[in-house]
Amino acid sequence: MLKAYLAQADNLTEKQLSDPPFRHNIKKLLDEAIRCGLSLSTNTKTNITLLTKAHTQHWPRYPIRKSEGVVLIYQCEADADKLFKAVFAALGRPPPF
């Protein structure tokens, strides 16, 4: 969702969004989207950012056991929903659901 927003709002190409610094880094994608005008609550930004480590280390695809806590997408589901709605609104489109 963040890459779709940046492709429209910042005219970034698929290659730019697939290479560093963005690639799988949700925090960097989110920071850039906010810099480009995406409006989200502080709570939503914080919770979406929590997914960065899991996403950059591909935990959903390659689960591993760790002694530290792991953030799962369902824990951020409400904030992911807010992110979808904010991106659709920012792009002038009706909500997806």
C-alpha atoms as a PDB file:
ATOM      1  CA  MET A   1       0.000   0.000   0.000  1.00  0.00           C
ATOM      2  CA  LEU A   2       2.813   2.393   0.864  1.00  0.00           C
ATOM      3  CA  LYS A   3       4.604   1.654  -2.404  1.00  0.00           C
ATOM      4  CA  ALA A   4       1.385   2.272  -4.344  1.00  0.00           C
ATOM      5  CA  TYR A   5       0.995   5.619  -2.602  1.00  0.00           C
ATOM      6  CA  LEU A   6       4.594   6.640  -3.298  1.00  0.00           C
ATOM      7  CA  ALA A   7       4.321   5.602  -6.939  1.00  0.00           C
ATOM      8  CA  GLN A   8       1.414   8.042  -7.318  1.00  0.00           C
ATOM      9  CA  ALA A   9       2.303  10.820  -4.877  1.00  0.00           C
ATOM     10  CA  ASP A  10       6.066  10.948  -5.444  1.00  0.00           C
ATOM     11  CA  ASN A  11       6.303   9.464  -8.961  1.00  0.00           C
ATOM     12  CA  LEU A  12       8.702   6.783  -7.752  1.00  0.00           C
ATOM     13  CA  THR A  13       9.268   3.919 -10.165  1.00  0.00           C
ATOM     14  CA  GLU A  14       8.921   0.231  -9.378  1.00  0.00           C
ATOM     15  CA  LYS A  15      12.721  -0.065  -9.474  1.00  0.00           C
ATOM     16  CA  GLN A  16      13.194   2.829  -7.038  1.00  0.00           C
ATOM     17  CA  LEU A  17      10.697   1.265  -4.649  1.00  0.00           C
ATOM     18  CA  SER A  18      12.263  -2.207  -4.974  1.00  0.00           C
ATOM     19  CA  ASP A  19      15.820  -1.082  -4.287  1.00  0.00           C
ATOM     20  CA  PRO A  20      17.402   0.362  -1.138  1.00  0.00           C
ATOM     21  CA  PRO A  21      16.612   2.424   0.824  1.00  0.00           C
ATOM     22  CA  PHE A  22      12.971   1.330   0.493  1.00  0.00           C
ATOM     23  CA  ARG A  23      12.827  -2.302  -0.632  1.00  0.00           C
ATOM     24  CA  HIS A  24      11.232  -4.115   2.372  1.00  0.00           C
ATOM     25  CA  ASN A  25      11.732  -1.319   4.909  1.00  0.00           C
ATOM     26  CA  ILE A  26       8.233  -0.341   6.038  1.00  0.00           C
ATOM     27  CA  LYS A  27       9.576   2.449   8.276  1.00  0.00           C
ATOM     28  CA  LYS A  28      11.424   4.128   5.404  1.00  0.00           C
ATOM     29  CA  LEU A  29       8.394   3.716   3.116  1.00  0.00           C
ATOM     30  CA  LEU A  30       6.111   5.140   5.801  1.00  0.00           C
ATOM     31  CA  ASP A  31       8.444   8.061   6.540  1.00  0.00           C
ATOM     32  CA  GLU A  32       8.624   8.918   2.835  1.00  0.00           C
ATOM     33  CA  ALA A  33       4.836   8.649   2.437  1.00  0.00           C
ATOM     34  CA  ILE A  34       4.311  11.001   5.377  1.00  0.00           C
ATOM     35  CA  ARG A  35       6.897  13.384   3.913  1.00  0.00           C
ATOM     36  CA  CYS A  36       4.832  13.306   0.707  1.00  0.00           C
ATOM     37  CA  GLY A  37       1.640  14.243   2.560  1.00  0.00           C
ATOM     38  CA  LEU A  38       0.078  11.008   3.821  1.00  0.00           C
ATOM     39  CA  SER A  39      -1.734  11.784   7.054  1.00  0.00           C
ATOM     40  CA  LEU A  40      -1.891   9.132   9.788  1.00  0.00           C
ATOM     41  CA  SER A  41      -2.347   9.280  13.547  1.00  0.00           C
ATOM     42  CA  THR A  42       0.701   8.870  15.748  1.00  0.00           C
ATOM     43  CA  ASN A  43      -0.655   5.550  17.023  1.00  0.00           C
ATOM     44  CA  THR A  44      -1.147   4.212  13.494  1.00  0.00           C
ATOM     45  CA  LYS A  45       2.358   5.301  12.448  1.00  0.00           C
ATOM     46  CA  THR A  46       3.860   3.634  15.517  1.00  0.00           C
ATOM     47  CA  ASN A  47       2.041   0.344  15.003  1.00  0.00           C
ATOM     48  CA  ILE A  48       2.738   0.144  11.266  1.00  0.00           C
ATOM     49  CA  THR A  49       6.421   0.856  11.997  1.00  0.00           C
ATOM     50  CA  LEU A  50       6.484  -2.154  14.352  1.00  0.00           C
ATOM     51  CA  LEU A  51       6.084  -4.396  11.311  1.00  0.00           C
ATOM     52  CA  THR A  52       9.411  -3.283   9.804  1.00  0.00           C
ATOM     53  CA  LYS A  53      11.618  -5.871  11.514  1.00  0.00           C
ATOM     54  CA  ALA A  54       9.278  -8.759  10.710  1.00  0.00           C
ATOM     55  CA  HIS A  55       8.969  -7.630   7.098  1.00  0.00           C
ATOM     56  CA  THR A  56      12.672  -6.889   6.452  1.00  0.00           C
ATOM     57  CA  GLN A  57      13.646 -10.259   7.919  1.00  0.00           C
ATOM     58  CA  HIS A  58      10.842 -12.063   6.020  1.00  0.00           C
ATOM     59  CA  TRP A  59       9.344 -13.613   9.167  1.00  0.00           C
ATOM     60  CA  PRO A  60       5.927 -14.175   7.569  1.00  0.00           C
ATOM     61  CA  ARG A  61       7.565 -16.345   4.896  1.00  0.00           C
ATOM     62  CA  TYR A  62      10.322 -17.894   6.972  1.00  0.00           C
ATOM     63  CA  PRO A  63       9.130 -18.073  10.576  1.00  0.00           C
ATOM     64  CA  ILE A  64      11.789 -18.513  13.203  1.00  0.00           C
ATOM     65  CA  ARG A  65      11.772 -18.906  16.943  1.00  0.00           C
ATOM     66  CA  LYS A  66      13.297 -16.037  18.880  1.00  0.00           C
ATOM     67  CA  SER A  67      13.495 -15.185  22.535  1.00  0.00           C
ATOM     68  CA  GLU A  68      12.311 -11.652  21.803  1.00  0.00           C
ATOM     69  CA  GLY A  69       8.703 -10.888  20.998  1.00  0.00           C
ATOM     70  CA  VAL A  70       7.575 -10.933  17.399  1.00  0.00           C
ATOM     71  CA  VAL A  71       4.996  -8.478  16.083  1.00  0.00           C
ATOM     72  CA  LEU A  72       2.373 -10.146  13.935  1.00  0.00           C
ATOM     73  CA  ILE A  73       0.204  -8.456  11.326  1.00  0.00           C
ATOM     74  CA  TYR A  74      -3.029  -9.266  13.144  1.00  0.00           C
ATOM     75  CA  GLN A  75      -1.801  -7.140  16.057  1.00  0.00           C
ATOM     76  CA  CYS A  76      -1.669  -4.173  13.683  1.00  0.00           C
ATOM     77  CA  GLU A  77      -4.763  -5.054  11.664  1.00  0.00           C
ATOM     78  CA  ALA A  78      -6.804  -2.028  12.764  1.00  0.00           C
ATOM     79  CA  ASP A  79      -3.917   0.280  11.904  1.00  0.00           C
ATOM     80  CA  ALA A  80      -3.344  -1.452   8.570  1.00  0.00           C
ATOM     81  CA  ASP A  81      -7.013  -0.780   7.816  1.00  0.00           C
ATOM     82  CA  LYS A  82      -6.466   2.907   8.667  1.00  0.00           C
ATOM     83  CA  LEU A  83      -3.426   2.955   6.384  1.00  0.00           C
ATOM     84  CA  PHE A  84      -5.458   1.561   3.469  1.00  0.00           C
ATOM     85  CA  LYS A  85      -8.207   4.137   4.003  1.00  0.00           C
ATOM     86  CA  ALA A  86      -5.707   7.001   4.317  1.00  0.00           C
ATOM     87  CA  VAL A  87      -3.911   6.039   1.099  1.00  0.00           C
ATOM     88  CA  PHE A  88      -7.156   5.680  -0.853  1.00  0.00           C
ATOM     89  CA  ALA A  89      -8.377   9.036   0.476  1.00  0.00           C
ATOM     90  CA  ALA A  90      -5.053  10.727  -0.330  1.00  0.00           C
ATOM     91  CA  LEU A  91      -5.227   9.397  -3.873  1.00  0.00           C
ATOM     92  CA  GLY A  92      -8.840  10.570  -4.257  1.00  0.00           C
ATOM     93  CA  ARG A  93     -10.312   7.093  -4.484  1.00  0.00           C
ATOM     94  CA  PRO A  94     -13.233   5.557  -2.599  1.00  0.00           C
ATOM     95  CA  PRO A  95     -12.373   3.306   0.359  1.00  0.00           C
ATOM     96  CA  PRO A  96     -11.498  -0.260  -0.704  1.00  0.00           C
ATOM     97  CA  PHE A  97     -13.851  -1.770   1.886  1.00  0.00           C
END
